[in-house]
Protein backbone atom coordinates (compact mmCIF):
# COMPACT_ATOMS: atom_id res chain seq x y z
CA MET A 1 32.99 44.11 89.25
CA THR A 2 32.64 43.42 85.54
CA PRO A 3 30.16 40.63 84.71
CA LEU A 4 30.86 38.12 81.96
CA PRO A 5 28.58 38.27 78.89
CA ASP A 6 26.20 35.64 80.36
CA GLU A 7 26.08 37.28 83.82
CA GLN A 8 24.40 40.24 85.43
CA ILE A 9 24.80 42.17 88.68
CA ASP A 10 21.84 42.19 91.06
CA ASP A 11 21.28 44.31 94.15
CA LEU A 12 20.59 42.24 97.27
CA GLN A 13 19.11 45.32 98.98
CA ASN A 14 21.08 44.60 102.14
CA ASN A 15 23.83 47.00 103.21
CA GLY A 16 24.84 47.59 99.61
CA LEU A 17 25.53 43.93 98.81
CA LYS A 18 25.67 43.00 95.13
CA ILE A 19 25.65 39.54 93.58
CA LEU A 20 26.51 38.08 90.19
CA GLN A 21 23.96 35.72 88.65
CA LYS A 22 23.60 33.95 85.34
CA LYS A 23 21.19 35.69 82.97
CA ARG A 24 19.67 32.39 81.84
CA GLY A 25 20.90 29.99 84.51
CA PHE A 26 19.50 29.16 87.92
CA ARG A 27 18.76 32.22 90.09
CA PHE A 28 18.04 32.26 93.81
CA GLY A 29 14.43 32.61 94.89
CA MET A 30 12.28 33.25 97.92
CA ASP A 31 13.31 29.97 99.55
CA SER A 32 16.84 31.34 100.05
CA ILE A 33 15.45 34.50 101.66
CA LEU A 34 13.20 32.50 103.98
CA LEU A 35 16.02 30.14 104.95
CA LYS A 36 18.28 33.09 105.71
CA ASP A 37 15.61 34.48 108.04
CA PHE A 38 15.16 31.06 109.73
CA VAL A 39 18.85 30.43 110.41
CA ARG A 40 20.14 31.26 113.89
CA ILE A 41 23.80 32.27 114.21
CA LYS A 42 25.88 32.89 117.30
CA PRO A 43 28.88 35.27 117.39
CA LYS A 44 32.12 33.97 115.84
CA GLU A 45 30.57 30.76 114.52
CA HIS A 46 31.85 28.91 111.46
CA LEU A 47 29.10 27.97 108.99
CA ALA A 48 29.33 25.78 105.90
CA ASP A 49 27.04 26.16 102.90
CA LEU A 50 27.08 22.83 101.11
CA VAL A 51 25.25 23.87 97.90
CA THR A 52 26.18 27.52 97.68
CA GLY A 53 25.45 28.32 94.01
CA SER A 54 25.90 32.07 93.67
CA ALA A 55 26.83 32.29 97.39
CA VAL A 56 23.63 34.15 98.18
CA LEU A 57 23.25 32.55 101.63
CA PRO A 58 26.78 33.32 102.90
CA LEU A 59 26.49 36.87 101.57
CA LEU A 60 23.16 37.50 103.30
CA LEU A 61 24.07 35.66 106.49
CA SER A 62 27.31 37.65 106.75
CA GLN A 63 25.14 40.68 107.50
CA LYS A 64 23.00 38.81 110.05
CA GLU A 65 26.02 38.07 112.25
CA PRO A 66 29.08 40.24 111.46
CA THR A 67 31.53 38.01 113.34
CA ALA A 68 30.59 34.72 111.62
CA ARG A 69 32.73 33.15 108.91
CA PHE A 70 31.67 30.87 106.07
CA SER A 71 32.93 28.00 103.93
CA ALA A 72 30.91 27.73 100.72
CA PHE A 73 31.02 24.66 98.45
CA GLU A 74 30.10 24.68 94.75
CA ARG A 75 31.29 22.02 92.36
CA GLN A 76 30.43 23.76 89.06
CA PRO A 77 33.63 25.68 88.19
CA ASP A 78 31.94 28.59 86.42
CA ILE A 79 29.41 29.06 89.23
CA ALA A 80 32.09 28.78 91.92
CA ASP A 81 34.18 31.39 90.11
CA MET A 82 31.17 33.69 89.84
CA ALA A 83 30.41 33.27 93.54
CA ALA A 84 34.03 34.02 94.49
CA ARG A 85 33.97 37.19 92.41
CA SER A 86 30.79 38.33 94.21
CA VAL A 87 32.52 37.72 97.55
CA ARG A 88 35.55 39.76 96.48
CA TYR A 89 33.39 42.60 95.15
CA ASN A 90 31.66 42.87 98.53
CA GLN A 91 35.06 42.76 100.29
CA LEU A 92 34.10 39.68 102.30
CA GLU A 93 36.94 37.36 101.29
CA ASN A 94 38.29 37.45 104.86
CA ARG A 95 34.99 35.92 106.06
CA ILE A 96 33.67 33.86 103.12
CA THR A 97 35.76 31.25 101.32
CA VAL A 98 34.33 29.64 98.18
CA TYR A 99 35.61 26.14 97.37
CA CYS A 100 35.16 24.66 93.91
CA GLU A 101 34.69 21.23 95.40
CA ASP A 102 32.17 18.42 95.69
CA LEU A 103 30.33 18.73 99.00
CA ARG A 104 31.15 15.10 99.73
CA ASN A 105 34.78 16.20 100.16
CA ALA A 106 33.95 18.97 102.62
CA HIS A 107 35.40 17.05 105.57
CA ARG A 108 38.72 16.79 103.73
CA VAL A 109 38.75 20.49 102.88
CA ILE A 110 37.75 22.10 106.19
CA GLY A 111 38.18 19.14 108.54
CA LYS A 112 35.85 16.88 110.48
CA ALA A 113 33.87 18.44 113.34
CA SER A 114 34.96 21.90 112.21
CA ALA A 115 31.64 23.66 111.61
CA ASP A 116 29.21 25.07 114.16
CA ALA A 117 26.37 25.01 111.63
CA VAL A 118 25.55 23.91 108.10
CA VAL A 119 23.11 25.67 105.80
CA CYS A 120 21.73 24.09 102.68
CA ASN A 121 19.13 25.01 100.09
CA PRO A 122 19.46 21.76 98.12
CA PRO A 123 18.09 20.72 94.73
CA TYR A 124 14.41 19.91 95.25
CA GLY A 125 13.79 17.59 92.33
CA LYS A 126 14.15 13.95 93.33
CA LYS A 127 16.44 11.96 91.06
CA GLY A 128 14.35 10.53 88.24
CA GLY A 129 11.21 12.16 89.63
CA ILE A 130 10.71 15.09 87.24
CA LEU A 131 11.75 16.13 83.77
CA PRO A 132 15.29 17.58 83.63
CA SER A 133 15.95 21.23 82.79
CA LYS A 134 17.43 22.01 79.38
CA SER A 135 20.14 24.17 80.96
CA GLU A 136 22.88 22.08 82.61
CA ASN A 137 23.33 24.77 85.27
CA LYS A 138 19.60 24.83 86.05
CA HIS A 139 19.44 21.04 86.00
CA MET A 140 22.25 20.64 88.56
CA SER A 141 20.83 23.43 90.74
CA ARG A 142 17.20 22.22 90.72
CA HIS A 143 17.47 18.44 90.47
CA GLU A 144 19.39 15.75 92.33
CA THR A 145 21.86 14.32 89.84
CA ASP A 146 24.62 12.13 91.29
CA CYS A 147 24.33 13.93 94.65
CA ASP A 148 21.17 13.72 96.76
CA ILE A 149 19.87 14.66 100.20
CA TYR A 150 21.61 11.65 101.75
CA ASP A 151 25.00 12.87 100.48
CA ILE A 152 24.28 16.30 101.93
CA VAL A 153 23.28 14.94 105.34
CA ILE A 154 26.25 12.56 105.49
CA SER A 155 28.60 15.45 104.74
CA ALA A 156 26.90 17.63 107.35
CA ASP A 157 27.29 14.90 109.96
CA GLU A 158 31.01 14.67 109.16
CA ILE A 159 31.81 18.38 109.42
CA LEU A 160 29.51 19.40 112.27
CA LYS A 161 30.75 19.69 115.83
CA ASN A 162 28.84 17.88 118.55
CA LYS A 163 25.50 19.70 119.04
CA GLY A 164 26.13 21.60 115.81
CA ARG A 165 23.09 22.52 113.71
CA ILE A 166 21.97 22.02 110.15
CA TYR A 167 19.41 24.32 108.50
CA VAL A 168 17.60 23.02 105.42
CA SER A 169 14.77 24.18 103.16
CA PHE A 170 12.99 21.23 101.54
CA PRO A 171 9.75 20.34 99.75
CA SER A 172 7.00 19.48 102.22
CA ARG A 173 6.01 16.39 100.23
CA ARG A 174 9.42 14.89 101.04
CA MET A 175 9.31 15.62 104.79
CA LEU A 176 9.37 12.00 105.94
CA GLU A 177 12.32 11.24 103.66
CA LEU A 178 14.22 14.23 105.05
CA PHE A 179 13.49 13.36 108.68
CA ASP A 180 14.41 9.70 108.19
CA CYS A 181 17.66 10.78 106.57
CA LEU A 182 18.54 13.28 109.29
CA ARG A 183 17.78 10.96 112.19
CA SER A 184 19.68 8.04 110.67
CA HIS A 185 22.82 10.25 110.62
CA HIS A 186 22.75 11.57 114.20
CA LEU A 187 20.89 14.78 113.31
CA GLU A 188 17.74 15.27 115.37
CA PRO A 189 15.05 17.66 113.99
CA LYS A 190 14.51 20.41 116.59
CA ARG A 191 12.63 23.26 114.87
CA LEU A 192 10.14 23.08 112.01
CA ARG A 193 8.37 25.83 110.12
CA MET A 194 5.98 25.11 107.27
CA VAL A 195 5.62 27.64 104.44
CA CYS A 196 2.21 28.02 102.77
CA GLY A 197 1.43 30.04 99.66
CA LYS A 198 -1.89 31.06 101.28
CA ALA A 199 -3.55 30.18 104.58
CA SER A 200 -6.05 28.05 102.69
CA LYS A 201 -3.31 26.02 101.00
CA ALA A 202 -1.25 23.08 102.21
CA PRO A 203 2.44 23.81 102.91
CA TYR A 204 4.79 23.53 99.96
CA LEU A 205 8.09 24.14 101.75
CA LEU A 206 9.70 23.19 105.06
CA LEU A 207 12.33 25.09 107.02
CA VAL A 208 14.08 22.65 109.35
CA GLU A 209 16.74 22.95 112.02
CA ALA A 210 18.34 19.74 113.30
CA ALA A 211 21.07 19.29 115.88
CA LYS A 212 23.83 16.68 116.03
CA ASN A 213 23.51 14.10 118.81
CA ALA A 214 20.59 15.96 120.38
CA LYS A 215 17.67 14.44 122.27
CA PRO A 216 14.33 14.04 120.45
CA MET A 217 12.09 17.11 120.84
CA LEU A 218 10.53 18.84 117.85
CA HIS A 219 9.27 22.42 118.18
CA PHE A 220 6.68 23.59 115.66
CA LEU A 221 6.81 27.26 114.72
CA PRO A 222 3.70 29.05 113.43
CA PRO A 223 3.19 28.49 109.67
CA LEU A 224 4.67 31.15 107.42
CA ILE A 225 2.00 32.44 105.04
CA VAL A 226 3.30 34.12 101.89
CA LEU A 227 0.13 35.72 100.46
CA HIS A 228 -3.21 36.93 101.70
CA GLY A 229 -6.34 35.58 100.06
CA ASP A 230 -6.40 38.56 97.68
CA GLY A 231 -2.86 37.80 96.46
CA THR A 232 -1.05 40.57 98.34
CA GLU A 233 2.01 39.80 100.47
CA THR A 234 1.55 39.16 104.18
CA GLU A 235 3.09 41.48 106.74
CA GLU A 236 5.60 38.81 107.77
CA ILE A 237 6.88 38.37 104.22
CA LYS A 238 7.24 42.15 103.96
CA ARG A 239 9.10 42.13 107.27
CA ILE A 240 11.48 39.37 106.17
CA TYR A 241 12.35 41.21 102.96
CA LEU A 242 12.56 44.60 104.63
CA ARG A 243 14.82 43.26 107.39
CA GLY A 244 17.36 42.32 104.77
CA ARG A 245 17.08 40.03 101.83
């Protein structure tokens, strides 16, 4: 795999997986690793990643369940091409398909009620809420532009099978907005884990699982603490990274 001048190859430290990323563009962070750990996959399931970026989630999740297959959507042509090249390098093209397509067209591409689960690590910045990034790639990856959480949830509702699940990481300050959006589109929150930088800090991130046409019943998981008071990583964070990024 030969990277383009503005790309570099990074080691995912998981069964030899490698990934291409932009040198100065958006790069995946801890939230993707935590979401990967939170996602539950059953054998032979079909998962859709609606904001795949570099395809880090399908790549990592492919090692969590070796019989699962993935449809990954990325509308930026250069990023979609980069993601597809990472998939080919890792010889996973028979399990991961990257579509250079707007997520709102997912139901036309893979069909309605075709996915067992949806994963999404969406842009966190609310439209008009924070200053835009100078890089267009970073701006589209970090901020809602013409596509927001409602578009993502609507698309998930269209492509999920009955009782299918959606897994989302989202800013804690926008929890009510996320839950209102999910429930208004037939997706009932079922599992919730809050992520805190330290035990003494309020949560900054949510990991949420919702199920289509499910009955109301929310299960709270223990908070995930990233750092001890002295700034060192907690044992659970070490476990999550050691178990496979």
